[in-house]
Amino acid sequence: MVSARMEEAVRTLRTLRVSGLKPRGYVSSWPEMVIDLADASGQDEVKLRLDPPTPEAITRMDEALQWLCWLECQ
């Protein structure tokens, strides 16, 4: 049961859309890449974005991550 909750926590954490992870003022000098559908033929499949996690899944993720803090203190 613990293993399943930790796996769900990892999946939830991966699907969260978190902004502000880069330092302010961080920019790239590279232009945005625009891929035309005709150019995409023959390339790997495009990864689809998953829907954002539900509030219940985020709550379960927070609980599971607190377990790790508890283990670290022991």
N, C-alpha and C. Protein backbone atom coordinates (compact mmCIF):
# COMPACT_ATOMS: atom_id res chain seq x y z
N MET A 1 0.82 -1.17 0.00
CA MET A 1 0.00 0.00 0.00
C MET A 1 0.88 1.26 0.00
N VAL A 2 1.95 1.24 0.78
CA VAL A 2 2.86 2.38 0.84
C VAL A 2 3.53 2.58 -0.51
N SER A 3 3.94 1.49 -1.13
CA SER A 3 4.59 1.58 -2.44
C SER A 3 3.65 2.18 -3.48
N ALA A 4 2.40 1.77 -3.47
CA ALA A 4 1.43 2.30 -4.42
C ALA A 4 1.21 3.80 -4.19
N ARG A 5 1.15 4.22 -2.92
CA ARG A 5 0.95 5.64 -2.63
C ARG A 5 2.16 6.46 -3.06
N MET A 6 3.36 5.91 -2.88
CA MET A 6 4.56 6.65 -3.30
C MET A 6 4.62 6.75 -4.82
N GLU A 7 4.24 5.70 -5.53
CA GLU A 7 4.21 5.75 -6.99
C GLU A 7 3.19 6.77 -7.47
N GLU A 8 2.03 6.80 -6.81
CA GLU A 8 1.02 7.80 -7.18
C GLU A 8 1.54 9.21 -6.91
N ALA A 9 2.27 9.38 -5.81
CA ALA A 9 2.83 10.69 -5.48
C ALA A 9 3.81 11.16 -6.56
N VAL A 10 4.62 10.25 -7.05
CA VAL A 10 5.57 10.59 -8.11
C VAL A 10 4.83 10.98 -9.38
N ARG A 11 3.80 10.21 -9.76
CA ARG A 11 3.02 10.55 -10.95
C ARG A 11 2.34 11.90 -10.79
N THR A 12 1.81 12.17 -9.62
CA THR A 12 1.15 13.44 -9.36
C THR A 12 2.14 14.59 -9.44
N LEU A 13 3.30 14.41 -8.85
CA LEU A 13 4.32 15.45 -8.86
C LEU A 13 4.78 15.75 -10.29
N ARG A 14 4.87 14.73 -11.11
CA ARG A 14 5.29 14.93 -12.50
C ARG A 14 4.26 15.70 -13.33
N THR A 15 2.98 15.53 -12.99
CA THR A 15 1.94 16.19 -13.79
C THR A 15 1.59 17.58 -13.28
N LEU A 16 2.15 17.98 -12.13
CA LEU A 16 1.89 19.33 -11.64
C LEU A 16 2.57 20.34 -12.56
N ARG A 17 1.88 21.40 -12.85
CA ARG A 17 2.47 22.47 -13.66
C ARG A 17 2.96 23.54 -12.70
N VAL A 18 4.25 23.53 -12.45
CA VAL A 18 4.83 24.45 -11.48
C VAL A 18 5.61 25.52 -12.23
N SER A 19 5.33 26.76 -11.90
CA SER A 19 6.06 27.86 -12.51
C SER A 19 7.01 28.46 -11.47
N GLY A 20 7.95 29.22 -11.96
CA GLY A 20 8.87 29.91 -11.07
C GLY A 20 10.03 29.07 -10.58
N LEU A 21 10.37 28.00 -11.31
CA LEU A 21 11.50 27.17 -10.89
C LEU A 21 12.83 27.73 -11.37
N LYS A 22 12.80 28.58 -12.38
CA LYS A 22 14.03 29.16 -12.89
C LYS A 22 14.24 30.51 -12.21
N PRO A 23 15.50 30.91 -12.05
CA PRO A 23 15.74 32.23 -11.45
C PRO A 23 15.14 33.33 -12.32
N ARG A 24 14.74 34.41 -11.68
CA ARG A 24 14.19 35.53 -12.43
C ARG A 24 15.26 36.08 -13.36
N GLY A 25 14.81 36.51 -14.51
CA GLY A 25 15.73 37.06 -15.48
C GLY A 25 16.37 36.01 -16.36
N TYR A 26 16.08 34.75 -16.11
CA TYR A 26 16.66 33.67 -16.92
C TYR A 26 15.92 33.62 -18.24
N VAL A 27 16.64 33.83 -19.30
CA VAL A 27 16.05 33.75 -20.63
C VAL A 27 16.99 32.97 -21.52
N SER A 28 16.46 32.51 -22.60
CA SER A 28 17.26 31.79 -23.58
C SER A 28 17.37 32.64 -24.84
N SER A 29 18.52 32.63 -25.43
CA SER A 29 18.69 33.38 -26.67
C SER A 29 18.25 32.57 -27.88
N TRP A 30 17.91 31.31 -27.65
CA TRP A 30 17.43 30.47 -28.74
C TRP A 30 15.98 30.79 -29.03
N PRO A 31 15.60 30.83 -30.30
CA PRO A 31 14.19 31.08 -30.61
C PRO A 31 13.33 29.86 -30.31
N GLU A 32 12.04 30.10 -30.12
CA GLU A 32 11.11 28.99 -29.92
C GLU A 32 11.07 28.15 -31.19
N MET A 33 11.08 26.84 -31.04
CA MET A 33 11.02 25.97 -32.21
C MET A 33 9.57 25.73 -32.59
N VAL A 34 9.26 26.00 -33.83
CA VAL A 34 7.93 25.74 -34.35
C VAL A 34 8.05 24.58 -35.31
N ILE A 35 7.35 23.50 -35.01
CA ILE A 35 7.44 22.31 -35.85
C ILE A 35 6.15 22.20 -36.65
N ASP A 36 6.30 22.20 -37.95
CA ASP A 36 5.16 22.06 -38.83
C ASP A 36 4.76 20.58 -38.87
N LEU A 37 3.49 20.31 -39.06
CA LEU A 37 3.02 18.93 -39.10
C LEU A 37 3.73 18.15 -40.19
N ALA A 38 4.01 18.79 -41.33
CA ALA A 38 4.72 18.12 -42.42
C ALA A 38 6.14 17.77 -42.00
N ASP A 39 6.75 18.61 -41.16
CA ASP A 39 8.11 18.33 -40.69
C ASP A 39 8.14 17.20 -39.67
N ALA A 40 7.05 16.99 -38.99
CA ALA A 40 7.02 16.00 -37.92
C ALA A 40 6.89 14.57 -38.43
N SER A 41 6.59 14.39 -39.68
CA SER A 41 6.44 13.03 -40.19
C SER A 41 7.77 12.30 -40.11
N GLY A 42 7.71 11.08 -39.61
CA GLY A 42 8.92 10.28 -39.48
C GLY A 42 9.64 10.48 -38.18
N GLN A 43 9.22 11.44 -37.38
CA GLN A 43 9.86 11.65 -36.09
C GLN A 43 9.15 10.83 -35.02
N ASP A 44 9.71 10.84 -33.84
CA ASP A 44 9.09 10.13 -32.73
C ASP A 44 7.71 10.72 -32.44
N GLU A 45 6.89 9.92 -31.78
CA GLU A 45 5.56 10.39 -31.43
C GLU A 45 5.65 11.57 -30.47
N VAL A 46 4.72 12.48 -30.59
CA VAL A 46 4.68 13.64 -29.72
C VAL A 46 4.13 13.21 -28.36
N LYS A 47 4.77 13.65 -27.29
CA LYS A 47 4.30 13.33 -25.95
C LYS A 47 3.09 14.21 -25.64
N LEU A 48 2.05 13.60 -25.17
CA LEU A 48 0.85 14.34 -24.81
C LEU A 48 0.95 14.76 -23.35
N ARG A 49 0.44 15.95 -23.07
CA ARG A 49 0.39 16.41 -21.68
C ARG A 49 -0.82 15.80 -21.00
N LEU A 50 -0.60 15.36 -19.80
CA LEU A 50 -1.69 14.79 -19.02
C LEU A 50 -2.48 15.91 -18.36
N ASP A 51 -3.71 15.62 -18.03
CA ASP A 51 -4.53 16.57 -17.31
C ASP A 51 -3.90 16.86 -15.96
N PRO A 52 -4.13 18.05 -15.42
CA PRO A 52 -3.57 18.33 -14.09
C PRO A 52 -4.18 17.41 -13.05
N PRO A 53 -3.43 17.12 -11.99
CA PRO A 53 -3.94 16.20 -10.97
C PRO A 53 -5.12 16.82 -10.21
N THR A 54 -5.92 15.96 -9.65
CA THR A 54 -7.08 16.40 -8.87
C THR A 54 -6.60 16.90 -7.50
N PRO A 55 -7.40 17.72 -6.84
CA PRO A 55 -7.02 18.16 -5.48
C PRO A 55 -6.82 16.98 -4.52
N GLU A 56 -7.62 15.93 -4.69
CA GLU A 56 -7.46 14.76 -3.82
C GLU A 56 -6.11 14.08 -4.05
N ALA A 57 -5.69 14.01 -5.31
CA ALA A 57 -4.39 13.40 -5.62
C ALA A 57 -3.26 14.24 -5.04
N ILE A 58 -3.40 15.55 -5.07
CA ILE A 58 -2.37 16.43 -4.50
C ILE A 58 -2.31 16.26 -2.99
N THR A 59 -3.47 16.11 -2.35
CA THR A 59 -3.50 15.88 -0.91
C THR A 59 -2.81 14.57 -0.55
N ARG A 60 -3.10 13.51 -1.32
CA ARG A 60 -2.44 12.21 -1.07
C ARG A 60 -0.94 12.32 -1.31
N MET A 61 -0.53 13.09 -2.32
CA MET A 61 0.89 13.28 -2.59
C MET A 61 1.57 13.99 -1.42
N ASP A 62 0.93 15.03 -0.89
CA ASP A 62 1.49 15.74 0.26
C ASP A 62 1.65 14.82 1.46
N GLU A 63 0.66 13.97 1.70
CA GLU A 63 0.75 13.02 2.81
C GLU A 63 1.92 12.06 2.60
N ALA A 64 2.06 11.54 1.39
CA ALA A 64 3.14 10.58 1.12
C ALA A 64 4.51 11.25 1.25
N LEU A 65 4.64 12.50 0.82
CA LEU A 65 5.92 13.19 0.95
C LEU A 65 6.24 13.50 2.41
N GLN A 66 5.22 13.69 3.23
CA GLN A 66 5.46 13.88 4.66
C GLN A 66 6.00 12.61 5.30
N TRP A 67 5.62 11.46 4.76
CA TRP A 67 6.17 10.20 5.26
C TRP A 67 7.69 10.19 5.10
N LEU A 68 8.17 10.73 3.96
CA LEU A 68 9.62 10.76 3.73
C LEU A 68 10.31 11.64 4.75
N CYS A 69 9.69 12.77 5.08
CA CYS A 69 10.28 13.65 6.11
C CYS A 69 10.31 12.95 7.45
N TRP A 70 9.27 12.19 7.77
CA TRP A 70 9.24 11.45 9.03
C TRP A 70 10.37 10.42 9.07
N LEU A 71 10.58 9.72 7.93
CA LEU A 71 11.66 8.72 7.90
C LEU A 71 13.03 9.36 8.06
N GLU A 72 13.19 10.55 7.49
CA GLU A 72 14.47 11.23 7.57
C GLU A 72 14.80 11.63 9.00
N CYS A 73 13.79 11.97 9.78
CA CYS A 73 14.00 12.39 11.18
C CYS A 73 14.28 11.22 12.10
N GLN A 74 13.94 10.01 11.69
CA GLN A 74 14.11 8.84 12.56
C GLN A 74 15.52 8.35 12.57
